[in-house]
Amino acid sequence: MRTEILKYERIRSLRIDRGLTQETVAQMLHVRQNTYSQYEIGVLNYPLDVVVRLAEYYGVSVDYLVGLTDEPTPYPRGRRAK
């Protein structure tokens, strides 16, 4: 149950900590403000592509956004095989 609460609280906290409006973040995600608002309050589950874009935008890990870790720092990217 705690994971469910955290994943919605975290996107709201990150937005507020940076002084952003829901409209600003919604525009970055290419969704309507109402849709983004529903992500924040947990009415809608946000799709994986939204989670990835939010993680990149805020510079945090996907694991942090979904509540699997309390460490916001993303893992370093490894080299891809050629």
PDB file of N, CA and C in Angstrom:
ATOM      1  N   MET A   1       0.827  -1.203   0.000  1.00  0.00           N
ATOM      2  CA  MET A   1       0.000   0.000   0.000  1.00  0.00           C
ATOM      3  C   MET A   1       0.861   1.252   0.000  1.00  0.00           C
ATOM      4  N   ARG A   2       1.952   1.249   0.726  1.00  0.00           N
ATOM      5  CA  ARG A   2       2.821   2.429   0.791  1.00  0.00           C
ATOM      6  C   ARG A   2       3.348   2.811  -0.596  1.00  0.00           C
ATOM      7  N   THR A   3       3.685   1.827  -1.415  1.00  0.00           N
ATOM      8  CA  THR A   3       4.184   2.104  -2.761  1.00  0.00           C
ATOM      9  C   THR A   3       3.142   2.862  -3.568  1.00  0.00           C
ATOM     10  N   GLU A   4       1.886   2.490  -3.463  1.00  0.00           N
ATOM     11  CA  GLU A   4       0.826   3.167  -4.200  1.00  0.00           C
ATOM     12  C   GLU A   4       0.743   4.643  -3.821  1.00  0.00           C
ATOM     13  N   ILE A   5       0.884   4.948  -2.558  1.00  0.00           N
ATOM     14  CA  ILE A   5       0.809   6.335  -2.112  1.00  0.00           C
ATOM     15  C   ILE A   5       2.014   7.114  -2.626  1.00  0.00           C
ATOM     16  N   LEU A   6       3.200   6.537  -2.490  1.00  0.00           N
ATOM     17  CA  LEU A   6       4.420   7.242  -2.863  1.00  0.00           C
ATOM     18  C   LEU A   6       4.481   7.600  -4.336  1.00  0.00           C
ATOM     19  N   LYS A   7       4.045   6.727  -5.201  1.00  0.00           N
ATOM     20  CA  LYS A   7       4.255   7.025  -6.613  1.00  0.00           C
ATOM     21  C   LYS A   7       3.477   8.250  -7.061  1.00  0.00           C
ATOM     22  N   TYR A   8       2.367   8.543  -6.416  1.00  0.00           N
ATOM     23  CA  TYR A   8       1.626   9.746  -6.776  1.00  0.00           C
ATOM     24  C   TYR A   8       2.147  10.959  -6.023  1.00  0.00           C
ATOM     25  N   GLU A   9       2.488  10.786  -4.781  1.00  0.00           N
ATOM     26  CA  GLU A   9       3.032  11.901  -3.995  1.00  0.00           C
ATOM     27  C   GLU A   9       4.339  12.402  -4.570  1.00  0.00           C
ATOM     28  N   ARG A  10       5.125  11.513  -5.096  1.00  0.00           N
ATOM     29  CA  ARG A  10       6.463  11.908  -5.564  1.00  0.00           C
ATOM     30  C   ARG A  10       6.402  12.816  -6.774  1.00  0.00           C
ATOM     31  N   ILE A  11       5.522  12.542  -7.721  1.00  0.00           N
ATOM     32  CA  ILE A  11       5.490  13.432  -8.890  1.00  0.00           C
ATOM     33  C   ILE A  11       4.959  14.805  -8.501  1.00  0.00           C
ATOM     34  N   ARG A  12       4.062  14.845  -7.544  1.00  0.00           N
ATOM     35  CA  ARG A  12       3.549  16.128  -7.063  1.00  0.00           C
ATOM     36  C   ARG A  12       4.638  16.882  -6.302  1.00  0.00           C
ATOM     37  N   SER A  13       5.331  16.197  -5.413  1.00  0.00           N
ATOM     38  CA  SER A  13       6.397  16.827  -4.629  1.00  0.00           C
ATOM     39  C   SER A  13       7.509  17.366  -5.518  1.00  0.00           C
ATOM     40  N   LEU A  14       7.912  16.585  -6.510  1.00  0.00           N
ATOM     41  CA  LEU A  14       8.959  17.038  -7.427  1.00  0.00           C
ATOM     42  C   LEU A  14       8.519  18.293  -8.170  1.00  0.00           C
ATOM     43  N   ARG A  15       7.279  18.325  -8.610  1.00  0.00           N
ATOM     44  CA  ARG A  15       6.765  19.485  -9.333  1.00  0.00           C
ATOM     45  C   ARG A  15       6.743  20.717  -8.435  1.00  0.00           C
ATOM     46  N   ILE A  16       6.206  20.568  -7.232  1.00  0.00           N
ATOM     47  CA  ILE A  16       6.092  21.696  -6.307  1.00  0.00           C
ATOM     48  C   ILE A  16       7.470  22.188  -5.873  1.00  0.00           C
ATOM     49  N   ASP A  17       8.395  21.261  -5.585  1.00  0.00           N
ATOM     50  CA  ASP A  17       9.752  21.642  -5.173  1.00  0.00           C
ATOM     51  C   ASP A  17      10.455  22.493  -6.224  1.00  0.00           C
ATOM     52  N   ARG A  18      10.095  22.307  -7.463  1.00  0.00           N
ATOM     53  CA  ARG A  18      10.725  23.071  -8.552  1.00  0.00           C
ATOM     54  C   ARG A  18       9.900  24.287  -8.970  1.00  0.00           C
ATOM     55  N   GLY A  19       8.805  24.532  -8.264  1.00  0.00           N
ATOM     56  CA  GLY A  19       7.983  25.701  -8.539  1.00  0.00           C
ATOM     57  C   GLY A  19       7.254  25.642  -9.869  1.00  0.00           C
ATOM     58  N   LEU A  20       6.924  24.445 -10.314  1.00  0.00           N
ATOM     59  CA  LEU A  20       6.246  24.263 -11.595  1.00  0.00           C
ATOM     60  C   LEU A  20       4.740  24.118 -11.401  1.00  0.00           C
ATOM     61  N   THR A  21       3.996  24.505 -12.418  1.00  0.00           N
ATOM     62  CA  THR A  21       2.547  24.296 -12.389  1.00  0.00           C
ATOM     63  C   THR A  21       2.224  22.960 -13.052  1.00  0.00           C
ATOM     64  N   GLN A  22       1.040  22.468 -12.772  1.00  0.00           N
ATOM     65  CA  GLN A  22       0.586  21.255 -13.451  1.00  0.00           C
ATOM     66  C   GLN A  22       0.536  21.483 -14.956  1.00  0.00           C
ATOM     67  N   GLU A  23       0.128  22.677 -15.374  1.00  0.00           N
ATOM     68  CA  GLU A  23       0.042  23.003 -16.797  1.00  0.00           C
ATOM     69  C   GLU A  23       1.409  22.898 -17.468  1.00  0.00           C
ATOM     70  N   THR A  24       2.450  23.382 -16.808  1.00  0.00           N
ATOM     71  CA  THR A  24       3.806  23.329 -17.361  1.00  0.00           C
ATOM     72  C   THR A  24       4.253  21.891 -17.581  1.00  0.00           C
ATOM     73  N   VAL A  25       4.056  21.058 -16.568  1.00  0.00           N
ATOM     74  CA  VAL A  25       4.468  19.650 -16.679  1.00  0.00           C
ATOM     75  C   VAL A  25       3.597  18.935 -17.712  1.00  0.00           C
ATOM     76  N   ALA A  26       2.318  19.224 -17.729  1.00  0.00           N
ATOM     77  CA  ALA A  26       1.415  18.608 -18.702  1.00  0.00           C
ATOM     78  C   ALA A  26       1.854  18.945 -20.128  1.00  0.00           C
ATOM     79  N   GLN A  27       2.236  20.187 -20.372  1.00  0.00           N
ATOM     80  CA  GLN A  27       2.699  20.577 -21.705  1.00  0.00           C
ATOM     81  C   GLN A  27       3.953  19.810 -22.098  1.00  0.00           C
ATOM     82  N   MET A  28       4.875  19.645 -21.155  1.00  0.00           N
ATOM     83  CA  MET A  28       6.090  18.892 -21.431  1.00  0.00           C
ATOM     84  C   MET A  28       5.774  17.443 -21.794  1.00  0.00           C
ATOM     85  N   LEU A  29       4.745  16.892 -21.147  1.00  0.00           N
ATOM     86  CA  LEU A  29       4.347  15.504 -21.399  1.00  0.00           C
ATOM     87  C   LEU A  29       3.417  15.358 -22.601  1.00  0.00           C
ATOM     88  N   HIS A  30       2.963  16.482 -23.138  1.00  0.00           N
ATOM     89  CA  HIS A  30       2.001  16.486 -24.253  1.00  0.00           C
ATOM     90  C   HIS A  30       0.675  15.837 -23.864  1.00  0.00           C
ATOM     91  N   VAL A  31       0.217  16.180 -22.646  1.00  0.00           N
ATOM     92  CA  VAL A  31      -1.107  15.752 -22.177  1.00  0.00           C
ATOM     93  C   VAL A  31      -1.842  16.986 -21.667  1.00  0.00           C
ATOM     94  N   ARG A  32      -3.130  16.855 -21.470  1.00  0.00           N
ATOM     95  CA  ARG A  32      -3.914  17.957 -20.922  1.00  0.00           C
ATOM     96  C   ARG A  32      -3.634  18.101 -19.427  1.00  0.00           C
ATOM     97  N   GLN A  33      -3.812  19.309 -18.916  1.00  0.00           N
ATOM     98  CA  GLN A  33      -3.587  19.566 -17.495  1.00  0.00           C
ATOM     99  C   GLN A  33      -4.464  18.669 -16.644  1.00  0.00           C
ATOM    100  N   ASN A  34      -5.692  18.451 -17.058  1.00  0.00           N
ATOM    101  CA  ASN A  34      -6.612  17.592 -16.311  1.00  0.00           C
ATOM    102  C   ASN A  34      -6.086  16.158 -16.229  1.00  0.00           C
ATOM    103  N   THR A  35      -5.511  15.680 -17.299  1.00  0.00           N
ATOM    104  CA  THR A  35      -4.933  14.330 -17.305  1.00  0.00           C
ATOM    105  C   THR A  35      -3.773  14.262 -16.324  1.00  0.00           C
ATOM    106  N   TYR A  36      -2.894  15.267 -16.375  1.00  0.00           N
ATOM    107  CA  TYR A  36      -1.762  15.273 -15.452  1.00  0.00           C
ATOM    108  C   TYR A  36      -2.238  15.349 -14.004  1.00  0.00           C
ATOM    109  N   SER A  37      -3.239  16.152 -13.747  1.00  0.00           N
ATOM    110  CA  SER A  37      -3.799  16.261 -12.406  1.00  0.00           C
ATOM    111  C   SER A  37      -4.279  14.894 -11.909  1.00  0.00           C
ATOM    112  N   GLN A  38      -4.890  14.142 -12.798  1.00  0.00           N
ATOM    113  CA  GLN A  38      -5.367  12.803 -12.423  1.00  0.00           C
ATOM    114  C   GLN A  38      -4.212  11.846 -12.164  1.00  0.00           C
ATOM    115  N   TYR A  39      -3.078  12.027 -12.836  1.00  0.00           N
ATOM    116  CA  TYR A  39      -1.881  11.234 -12.508  1.00  0.00           C
ATOM    117  C   TYR A  39      -1.439  11.545 -11.081  1.00  0.00           C
ATOM    118  N   GLU A  40      -1.406  12.828 -10.737  1.00  0.00           N
ATOM    119  CA  GLU A  40      -0.917  13.246  -9.419  1.00  0.00           C
ATOM    120  C   GLU A  40      -1.782  12.754  -8.270  1.00  0.00           C
ATOM    121  N   ILE A  41      -3.077  12.684  -8.467  1.00  0.00           N
ATOM    122  CA  ILE A  41      -3.949  12.259  -7.369  1.00  0.00           C
ATOM    123  C   ILE A  41      -4.266  10.770  -7.405  1.00  0.00           C
ATOM    124  N   GLY A  42      -3.745  10.066  -8.400  1.00  0.00           N
ATOM    125  CA  GLY A  42      -3.896   8.622  -8.443  1.00  0.00           C
ATOM    126  C   GLY A  42      -5.166   8.123  -9.091  1.00  0.00           C
ATOM    127  N   VAL A  43      -5.911   8.993  -9.761  1.00  0.00           N
ATOM    128  CA  VAL A  43      -7.121   8.560 -10.457  1.00  0.00           C
ATOM    129  C   VAL A  43      -6.738   7.777 -11.712  1.00  0.00           C
ATOM    130  N   LEU A  44      -5.706   8.230 -12.400  1.00  0.00           N
ATOM    131  CA  LEU A  44      -5.185   7.547 -13.587  1.00  0.00           C
ATOM    132  C   LEU A  44      -3.788   7.022 -13.303  1.00  0.00           C
ATOM    133  N   ASN A  45      -3.515   5.810 -13.745  1.00  0.00           N
ATOM    134  CA  ASN A  45      -2.147   5.310 -13.717  1.00  0.00           C
ATOM    135  C   ASN A  45      -1.429   5.887 -14.916  1.00  0.00           C
ATOM    136  N   TYR A  46      -0.239   6.402 -14.689  1.00  0.00           N
ATOM    137  CA  TYR A  46       0.458   6.981 -15.825  1.00  0.00           C
ATOM    138  C   TYR A  46       1.213   5.897 -16.576  1.00  0.00           C
ATOM    139  N   PRO A  47       1.200   5.999 -17.930  1.00  0.00           N
ATOM    140  CA  PRO A  47       1.855   4.991 -18.754  1.00  0.00           C
ATOM    141  C   PRO A  47       3.376   5.049 -18.630  1.00  0.00           C
ATOM    142  N   LEU A  48       4.016   3.967 -19.027  1.00  0.00           N
ATOM    143  CA  LEU A  48       5.461   3.846 -18.901  1.00  0.00           C
ATOM    144  C   LEU A  48       6.200   4.981 -19.593  1.00  0.00           C
ATOM    145  N   ASP A  49       5.766   5.406 -20.760  1.00  0.00           N
ATOM    146  CA  ASP A  49       6.472   6.486 -21.447  1.00  0.00           C
ATOM    147  C   ASP A  49       6.414   7.780 -20.644  1.00  0.00           C
ATOM    148  N   VAL A  50       5.337   8.002 -19.918  1.00  0.00           N
ATOM    149  CA  VAL A  50       5.215   9.189 -19.062  1.00  0.00           C
ATOM    150  C   VAL A  50       6.170   9.069 -17.876  1.00  0.00           C
ATOM    151  N   VAL A  51       6.259   7.888 -17.295  1.00  0.00           N
ATOM    152  CA  VAL A  51       7.175   7.669 -16.172  1.00  0.00           C
ATOM    153  C   VAL A  51       8.612   7.954 -16.608  1.00  0.00           C
ATOM    154  N   VAL A  52       8.983   7.459 -17.765  1.00  0.00           N
ATOM    155  CA  VAL A  52      10.343   7.666 -18.269  1.00  0.00           C
ATOM    156  C   VAL A  52      10.592   9.147 -18.525  1.00  0.00           C
ATOM    157  N   ARG A  53       9.648   9.840 -19.155  1.00  0.00           N
ATOM    158  CA  ARG A  53       9.834  11.273 -19.434  1.00  0.00           C
ATOM    159  C   ARG A  53       9.939  12.079 -18.139  1.00  0.00           C
ATOM    160  N   LEU A  54       9.107  11.732 -17.142  1.00  0.00           N
ATOM    161  CA  LEU A  54       9.180  12.435 -15.858  1.00  0.00           C
ATOM    162  C   LEU A  54      10.521  12.189 -15.177  1.00  0.00           C
ATOM    163  N   ALA A  55      10.995  10.958 -15.211  1.00  0.00           N
ATOM    164  CA  ALA A  55      12.293  10.634 -14.603  1.00  0.00           C
ATOM    165  C   ALA A  55      13.408  11.433 -15.270  1.00  0.00           C
ATOM    166  N   GLU A  56      13.394  11.507 -16.587  1.00  0.00           N
ATOM    167  CA  GLU A  56      14.418  12.274 -17.298  1.00  0.00           C
ATOM    168  C   GLU A  56      14.283  13.766 -17.008  1.00  0.00           C
ATOM    169  N   TYR A  57      13.074  14.265 -16.987  1.00  0.00           N
ATOM    170  CA  TYR A  57      12.809  15.685 -16.754  1.00  0.00           C
ATOM    171  C   TYR A  57      13.311  16.126 -15.382  1.00  0.00           C
ATOM    172  N   TYR A  58      13.029  15.316 -14.366  1.00  0.00           N
ATOM    173  CA  TYR A  58      13.406  15.661 -12.995  1.00  0.00           C
ATOM    174  C   TYR A  58      14.794  15.144 -12.602  1.00  0.00           C
ATOM    175  N   GLY A  59      15.411  14.322 -13.443  1.00  0.00           N
ATOM    176  CA  GLY A  59      16.733  13.786 -13.134  1.00  0.00           C
ATOM    177  C   GLY A  59      16.720  12.785 -11.995  1.00  0.00           C
ATOM    178  N   VAL A  60      15.658  11.982 -11.940  1.00  0.00           N
ATOM    179  CA  VAL A  60      15.527  10.950 -10.907  1.00  0.00           C
ATOM    180  C   VAL A  60      15.354   9.597 -11.590  1.00  0.00           C
ATOM    181  N   SER A  61      15.416   8.545 -10.803  1.00  0.00           N
ATOM    182  CA  SER A  61      15.234   7.209 -11.374  1.00  0.00           C
ATOM    183  C   SER A  61      13.752   6.861 -11.461  1.00  0.00           C
ATOM    184  N   VAL A  62      13.444   5.980 -12.385  1.00  0.00           N
ATOM    185  CA  VAL A  62      12.084   5.456 -12.499  1.00  0.00           C
ATOM    186  C   VAL A  62      11.724   4.722 -11.210  1.00  0.00           C
ATOM    187  N   ASP A  63      12.688   3.988 -10.646  1.00  0.00           N
ATOM    188  CA  ASP A  63      12.450   3.286  -9.380  1.00  0.00           C
ATOM    189  C   ASP A  63      11.994   4.252  -8.290  1.00  0.00           C
ATOM    190  N   TYR A  64      12.585   5.435  -8.257  1.00  0.00           N
ATOM    191  CA  TYR A  64      12.197   6.440  -7.268  1.00  0.00           C
ATOM    192  C   TYR A  64      10.756   6.901  -7.508  1.00  0.00           C
ATOM    193  N   LEU A  65      10.417   7.172  -8.761  1.00  0.00           N
ATOM    194  CA  LEU A  65       9.066   7.650  -9.061  1.00  0.00           C
ATOM    195  C   LEU A  65       7.988   6.647  -8.673  1.00  0.00           C
ATOM    196  N   VAL A  66       8.266   5.363  -8.864  1.00  0.00           N
ATOM    197  CA  VAL A  66       7.245   4.357  -8.569  1.00  0.00           C
ATOM    198  C   VAL A  66       7.341   3.803  -7.153  1.00  0.00           C
ATOM    199  N   GLY A  67       8.268   4.337  -6.353  1.00  0.00           N
ATOM    200  CA  GLY A  67       8.325   3.964  -4.946  1.00  0.00           C
ATOM    201  C   GLY A  67       9.106   2.713  -4.628  1.00  0.00           C
ATOM    202  N   LEU A  68       9.966   2.251  -5.549  1.00  0.00           N
ATOM    203  CA  LEU A  68      10.768   1.064  -5.272  1.00  0.00           C
ATOM    204  C   LEU A  68      12.028   1.383  -4.491  1.00  0.00           C
ATOM    205  N   THR A  69      12.397   2.663  -4.461  1.00  0.00           N
ATOM    206  CA  THR A  69      13.559   3.100  -3.689  1.00  0.00           C
ATOM    207  C   THR A  69      13.296   4.509  -3.173  1.00  0.00           C
ATOM    208  N   ASP A  70      13.986   4.851  -2.115  1.00  0.00           N
ATOM    209  CA  ASP A  70      13.908   6.213  -1.595  1.00  0.00           C
ATOM    210  C   ASP A  70      15.067   7.056  -2.104  1.00  0.00           C
ATOM    211  N   GLU A  71      15.946   6.465  -2.891  1.00  0.00           N
ATOM    212  CA  GLU A  71      17.109   7.157  -3.455  1.00  0.00           C
ATOM    213  C   GLU A  71      16.732   7.726  -4.826  1.00  0.00           C
ATOM    214  N   PRO A  72      16.661   9.053  -4.942  1.00  0.00           N
ATOM    215  CA  PRO A  72      16.221   9.635  -6.210  1.00  0.00           C
ATOM    216  C   PRO A  72      17.244   9.572  -7.339  1.00  0.00           C
ATOM    217  N   THR A  73      18.535   9.437  -7.005  1.00  0.00           N
ATOM    218  CA  THR A  73      19.582   9.472  -8.019  1.00  0.00           C
ATOM    219  C   THR A  73      19.458   8.285  -8.971  1.00  0.00           C
ATOM    220  N   PRO A  74      19.417   8.558 -10.275  1.00  0.00           N
ATOM    221  CA  PRO A  74      19.327   7.448 -11.235  1.00  0.00           C
ATOM    222  C   PRO A  74      20.635   6.665 -11.297  1.00  0.00           C
ATOM    223  N   TYR A  75      20.533   5.426 -11.712  1.00  0.00           N
ATOM    224  CA  TYR A  75      21.722   4.600 -11.914  1.00  0.00           C
ATOM    225  C   TYR A  75      22.500   5.138 -13.110  1.00  0.00           C
ATOM    226  N   PRO A  76      23.826   5.011 -13.065  1.00  0.00           N
ATOM    227  CA  PRO A  76      24.588   5.447 -14.247  1.00  0.00           C
ATOM    228  C   PRO A  76      24.258   4.552 -15.430  1.00  0.00           C
ATOM    229  N   ARG A  77      24.204   5.162 -16.584  1.00  0.00           N
ATOM    230  CA  ARG A  77      23.917   4.379 -17.784  1.00  0.00           C
ATOM    231  C   ARG A  77      25.156   3.597 -18.181  1.00  0.00           C
ATOM    232  N   GLY A  78      24.942   2.331 -18.513  1.00  0.00           N
ATOM    233  CA  GLY A  78      26.045   1.488 -18.961  1.00  0.00           C
ATOM    234  C   GLY A  78      26.265   1.636 -20.451  1.00  0.00           C
ATOM    235  N   ARG A  79      27.364   1.124 -20.895  1.00  0.00           N
ATOM    236  CA  ARG A  79      27.639   1.124 -22.335  1.00  0.00           C
ATOM    237  C   ARG A  79      26.819   0.033 -22.995  1.00  0.00           C
ATOM    238  N   ARG A  80      26.284   0.347 -24.122  1.00  0.00           N
ATOM    239  CA  ARG A  80      25.502  -0.638 -24.876  1.00  0.00           C
ATOM    240  C   ARG A  80      26.425  -1.442 -25.762  1.00  0.00           C
ATOM    241  N   ALA A  81      26.110  -2.707 -25.898  1.00  0.00           N
ATOM    242  CA  ALA A  81      26.888  -3.584 -26.785  1.00  0.00           C
ATOM    243  C   ALA A  81      26.666  -3.169 -28.231  1.00  0.00           C
ATOM    244  N   LYS A  82      27.714  -3.274 -29.018  1.00  0.00           N
ATOM    245  CA  LYS A  82      27.602  -2.898 -30.438  1.00  0.00           C
ATOM    246  C   LYS A  82      27.191  -4.064 -31.271  1.00  0.00           C
TER     247      LYS A  82
END
